[in-house]
Amino acid sequence: MMSTTLLAVSAMVSGSPPTQQVIIFSSDAIRVATDAATEWNRGPLPSNAAFDIPDNPTKLQGGYFPVNYLIGIDPRMRIWINLTTGQVVEPDRCLYFHSRKIRAFSRSIRRLTGAHPIPLSHLAGDVGCDSLKPD
């Protein structure tokens, strides 16, 4: 899904595969967030669904690209995309997303970075949760 539209530019300092990150286009991040919101919504999104990328997105939580999901002007969830593994989480509800499209996206990121998925217990701690549950 994303492999054709993903800008695969290696960007981090050490160059070792576990810490290597990718830079993604905002439009790709919004597509991934749309997939996550659709999974969470259990179906099509409302016509007034919107997505917002905060200013300086990678400075909010290092290693993640955040996208906010809104209905009209009401915030519904924050979706964080891990830039090393492609794993997608919602830190406020302690959810991880695992739809077919998101798993394909995550695999494409890991092929670029050489990383392995972060165990859910570690990923939970990374985003401030005790544990993560599947959506």
C-alpha atoms as a PDB file:
ATOM      1  CA  MET A   1       0.000   0.000   0.000  1.00  0.00           C
ATOM      2  CA  MET A   2       2.464   2.629   1.132  1.00  0.00           C
ATOM      3  CA  SER A   3       5.598   1.304  -0.513  1.00  0.00           C
ATOM      4  CA  THR A   4       4.928   3.191  -3.739  1.00  0.00           C
ATOM      5  CA  THR A   5       4.115   6.490  -2.061  1.00  0.00           C
ATOM      6  CA  LEU A   6       6.456   6.360   0.891  1.00  0.00           C
ATOM      7  CA  LEU A   7       9.496   8.584   0.836  1.00  0.00           C
ATOM      8  CA  ALA A   8      12.118   6.213   2.125  1.00  0.00           C
ATOM      9  CA  VAL A   9      14.844   8.496   3.284  1.00  0.00           C
ATOM     10  CA  SER A  10      17.047   7.158   6.056  1.00  0.00           C
ATOM     11  CA  ALA A  11      17.370   9.837   8.645  1.00  0.00           C
ATOM     12  CA  MET A  12      18.857   8.921  11.992  1.00  0.00           C
ATOM     13  CA  VAL A  13      22.235   9.224  13.579  1.00  0.00           C
ATOM     14  CA  SER A  14      23.703   5.828  14.335  1.00  0.00           C
ATOM     15  CA  GLY A  15      22.834   4.060  11.110  1.00  0.00           C
ATOM     16  CA  SER A  16      22.232   0.801  12.947  1.00  0.00           C
ATOM     17  CA  PRO A  17      19.036  -0.884  11.736  1.00  0.00           C
ATOM     18  CA  PRO A  18      17.115  -0.842  15.053  1.00  0.00           C
ATOM     19  CA  THR A  19      17.413   2.955  15.386  1.00  0.00           C
ATOM     20  CA  GLN A  20      17.162   3.923  11.730  1.00  0.00           C
ATOM     21  CA  GLN A  21      14.012   5.887  10.955  1.00  0.00           C
ATOM     22  CA  VAL A  22      12.224   6.944   7.816  1.00  0.00           C
ATOM     23  CA  ILE A  23      10.735  10.249   6.843  1.00  0.00           C
ATOM     24  CA  ILE A  24       7.211   9.936   5.510  1.00  0.00           C
ATOM     25  CA  PHE A  25       5.050  12.371   3.610  1.00  0.00           C
ATOM     26  CA  SER A  26       2.201  13.921   5.586  1.00  0.00           C
ATOM     27  CA  SER A  27      -0.257  12.479   3.057  1.00  0.00           C
ATOM     28  CA  ASP A  28       1.044   8.953   3.778  1.00  0.00           C
ATOM     29  CA  ALA A  29       0.739   9.525   7.529  1.00  0.00           C
ATOM     30  CA  ILE A  30      -2.851  10.670   7.024  1.00  0.00           C
ATOM     31  CA  ARG A  31      -3.632   7.540   4.957  1.00  0.00           C
ATOM     32  CA  VAL A  32      -2.291   5.357   7.767  1.00  0.00           C
ATOM     33  CA  ALA A  33      -4.252   7.375  10.354  1.00  0.00           C
ATOM     34  CA  THR A  34      -7.368   6.985   8.205  1.00  0.00           C
ATOM     35  CA  ASP A  35      -6.881   3.216   8.213  1.00  0.00           C
ATOM     36  CA  ALA A  36      -6.464   3.263  12.012  1.00  0.00           C
ATOM     37  CA  ALA A  37      -9.536   5.468  12.521  1.00  0.00           C
ATOM     38  CA  THR A  38     -11.574   3.252  10.197  1.00  0.00           C
ATOM     39  CA  GLU A  39     -10.463   0.192  12.190  1.00  0.00           C
ATOM     40  CA  TRP A  40     -11.396   1.924  15.456  1.00  0.00           C
ATOM     41  CA  ASN A  41     -14.712   3.127  14.000  1.00  0.00           C
ATOM     42  CA  ARG A  42     -15.482  -0.399  12.738  1.00  0.00           C
ATOM     43  CA  GLY A  43     -16.533   1.000   9.399  1.00  0.00           C
ATOM     44  CA  PRO A  44     -16.526   4.035   7.139  1.00  0.00           C
ATOM     45  CA  LEU A  45     -15.680   7.364   8.688  1.00  0.00           C
ATOM     46  CA  PRO A  46     -18.268  10.150   8.902  1.00  0.00           C
ATOM     47  CA  SER A  47     -18.279  12.696   6.105  1.00  0.00           C
ATOM     48  CA  ASN A  48     -17.015  15.391   8.495  1.00  0.00           C
ATOM     49  CA  ALA A  49     -13.972  13.343   9.603  1.00  0.00           C
ATOM     50  CA  ALA A  50     -10.720  15.276   9.429  1.00  0.00           C
ATOM     51  CA  PHE A  51      -7.052  14.707  10.194  1.00  0.00           C
ATOM     52  CA  ASP A  52      -4.553  17.211  11.509  1.00  0.00           C
ATOM     53  CA  ILE A  53      -0.794  17.035  11.819  1.00  0.00           C
ATOM     54  CA  PRO A  54       0.573  19.078  14.724  1.00  0.00           C
ATOM     55  CA  ASP A  55       3.336  21.612  14.161  1.00  0.00           C
ATOM     56  CA  ASN A  56       6.783  20.012  14.502  1.00  0.00           C
ATOM     57  CA  PRO A  57       5.231  16.528  14.699  1.00  0.00           C
ATOM     58  CA  THR A  58       8.364  14.519  15.492  1.00  0.00           C
ATOM     59  CA  LYS A  59       9.232  16.774  18.439  1.00  0.00           C
ATOM     60  CA  LEU A  60       6.070  15.845  20.388  1.00  0.00           C
ATOM     61  CA  GLN A  61       7.208  12.254  20.929  1.00  0.00           C
ATOM     62  CA  GLY A  62      10.581  11.368  19.458  1.00  0.00           C
ATOM     63  CA  GLY A  63      10.481   8.525  16.946  1.00  0.00           C
ATOM     64  CA  TYR A  64       6.765   8.883  16.249  1.00  0.00           C
ATOM     65  CA  PHE A  65       4.706  10.802  13.713  1.00  0.00           C
ATOM     66  CA  PRO A  66       1.431  11.943  15.335  1.00  0.00           C
ATOM     67  CA  VAL A  67      -1.815  12.536  13.469  1.00  0.00           C
ATOM     68  CA  ASN A  68      -4.955  13.818  15.176  1.00  0.00           C
ATOM     69  CA  TYR A  69      -8.338  12.402  14.129  1.00  0.00           C
ATOM     70  CA  LEU A  70     -11.283  14.787  14.465  1.00  0.00           C
ATOM     71  CA  ILE A  71     -15.004  14.704  13.781  1.00  0.00           C
ATOM     72  CA  GLY A  72     -15.765  18.251  12.712  1.00  0.00           C
ATOM     73  CA  ILE A  73     -13.790  20.256  15.248  1.00  0.00           C
ATOM     74  CA  ASP A  74     -13.998  17.671  18.057  1.00  0.00           C
ATOM     75  CA  PRO A  75     -10.794  15.687  18.628  1.00  0.00           C
ATOM     76  CA  ARG A  76     -11.462  11.935  18.756  1.00  0.00           C
ATOM     77  CA  MET A  77      -8.038  10.346  18.985  1.00  0.00           C
ATOM     78  CA  ARG A  78      -4.309  10.816  18.565  1.00  0.00           C
ATOM     79  CA  ILE A  79      -2.688   8.293  16.273  1.00  0.00           C
ATOM     80  CA  TRP A  80       1.072   7.779  16.534  1.00  0.00           C
ATOM     81  CA  ILE A  81       3.110   6.065  13.815  1.00  0.00           C
ATOM     82  CA  ASN A  82       6.468   4.634  14.881  1.00  0.00           C
ATOM     83  CA  LEU A  83       9.084   5.794  12.369  1.00  0.00           C
ATOM     84  CA  THR A  84      11.332   2.764  12.866  1.00  0.00           C
ATOM     85  CA  THR A  85       8.834  -0.110  12.862  1.00  0.00           C
ATOM     86  CA  GLY A  86       5.678   1.385  11.333  1.00  0.00           C
ATOM     87  CA  GLN A  87       3.639   0.209  14.304  1.00  0.00           C
ATOM     88  CA  VAL A  88       0.545   2.351  14.907  1.00  0.00           C
ATOM     89  CA  VAL A  89      -0.790   3.168  18.382  1.00  0.00           C
ATOM     90  CA  GLU A  90      -3.274   5.417  20.138  1.00  0.00           C
ATOM     91  CA  PRO A  91      -1.604   6.469  23.404  1.00  0.00           C
ATOM     92  CA  ASP A  92      -4.649   7.903  25.192  1.00  0.00           C
ATOM     93  CA  ARG A  93      -6.688   4.691  24.919  1.00  0.00           C
ATOM     94  CA  CYS A  94      -3.609   2.423  24.954  1.00  0.00           C
ATOM     95  CA  LEU A  95      -4.580   0.770  21.668  1.00  0.00           C
ATOM     96  CA  TYR A  96      -2.526  -0.714  18.886  1.00  0.00           C
ATOM     97  CA  PHE A  97      -3.849  -1.101  15.365  1.00  0.00           C
ATOM     98  CA  HIS A  98      -3.360  -4.238  13.336  1.00  0.00           C
ATOM     99  CA  SER A  99      -5.579  -4.160  10.253  1.00  0.00           C
ATOM    100  CA  ARG A 100      -4.289  -5.764   7.068  1.00  0.00           C
ATOM    101  CA  LYS A 101      -3.382  -2.354   5.575  1.00  0.00           C
ATOM    102  CA  ILE A 102      -1.548  -1.248   8.706  1.00  0.00           C
ATOM    103  CA  ARG A 103       0.374  -4.537   8.920  1.00  0.00           C
ATOM    104  CA  ALA A 104       1.411  -4.098   5.256  1.00  0.00           C
ATOM    105  CA  PHE A 105       2.529  -0.536   5.976  1.00  0.00           C
ATOM    106  CA  SER A 106       4.510  -1.677   9.028  1.00  0.00           C
ATOM    107  CA  ARG A 107       6.234  -4.413   7.006  1.00  0.00           C
ATOM    108  CA  SER A 108       7.240  -1.865   4.346  1.00  0.00           C
ATOM    109  CA  ILE A 109       8.771   0.407   7.015  1.00  0.00           C
ATOM    110  CA  ARG A 110      10.640  -2.492   8.625  1.00  0.00           C
ATOM    111  CA  ARG A 111      12.017  -3.573   5.241  1.00  0.00           C
ATOM    112  CA  LEU A 112      13.491  -0.087   4.883  1.00  0.00           C
ATOM    113  CA  THR A 113      14.865   0.192   8.409  1.00  0.00           C
ATOM    114  CA  GLY A 114      15.841  -3.414   9.092  1.00  0.00           C
ATOM    115  CA  ALA A 115      13.998  -3.214  12.427  1.00  0.00           C
ATOM    116  CA  HIS A 116      11.859  -5.871  14.067  1.00  0.00           C
ATOM    117  CA  PRO A 117       8.482  -5.096  15.642  1.00  0.00           C
ATOM    118  CA  ILE A 118       8.761  -3.678  19.142  1.00  0.00           C
ATOM    119  CA  PRO A 119       7.198  -6.087  21.664  1.00  0.00           C
ATOM    120  CA  LEU A 120       3.849  -4.698  22.804  1.00  0.00           C
ATOM    121  CA  SER A 121       4.996  -4.409  26.426  1.00  0.00           C
ATOM    122  CA  HIS A 122       7.911  -2.179  25.372  1.00  0.00           C
ATOM    123  CA  LEU A 123       5.792  -0.253  22.871  1.00  0.00           C
ATOM    124  CA  ALA A 124       3.265   0.413  25.648  1.00  0.00           C
ATOM    125  CA  GLY A 125       5.942   1.903  27.882  1.00  0.00           C
ATOM    126  CA  ASP A 126       7.239   3.947  24.965  1.00  0.00           C
ATOM    127  CA  VAL A 127       3.877   5.715  24.618  1.00  0.00           C
ATOM    128  CA  GLY A 128       3.093   6.001  28.331  1.00  0.00           C
ATOM    129  CA  CYS A 129       0.779   2.989  28.762  1.00  0.00           C
ATOM    130  CA  ASP A 130       0.954   0.026  31.150  1.00  0.00           C
ATOM    131  CA  SER A 131      -0.136  -2.251  28.306  1.00  0.00           C
ATOM    132  CA  LEU A 132      -1.644  -2.003  24.832  1.00  0.00           C
ATOM    133  CA  LYS A 133      -4.786  -3.746  23.703  1.00  0.00           C
ATOM    134  CA  PRO A 134      -5.783  -4.451  20.127  1.00  0.00           C
ATOM    135  CA  ASP A 135      -8.449  -2.284  18.661  1.00  0.00           C
END
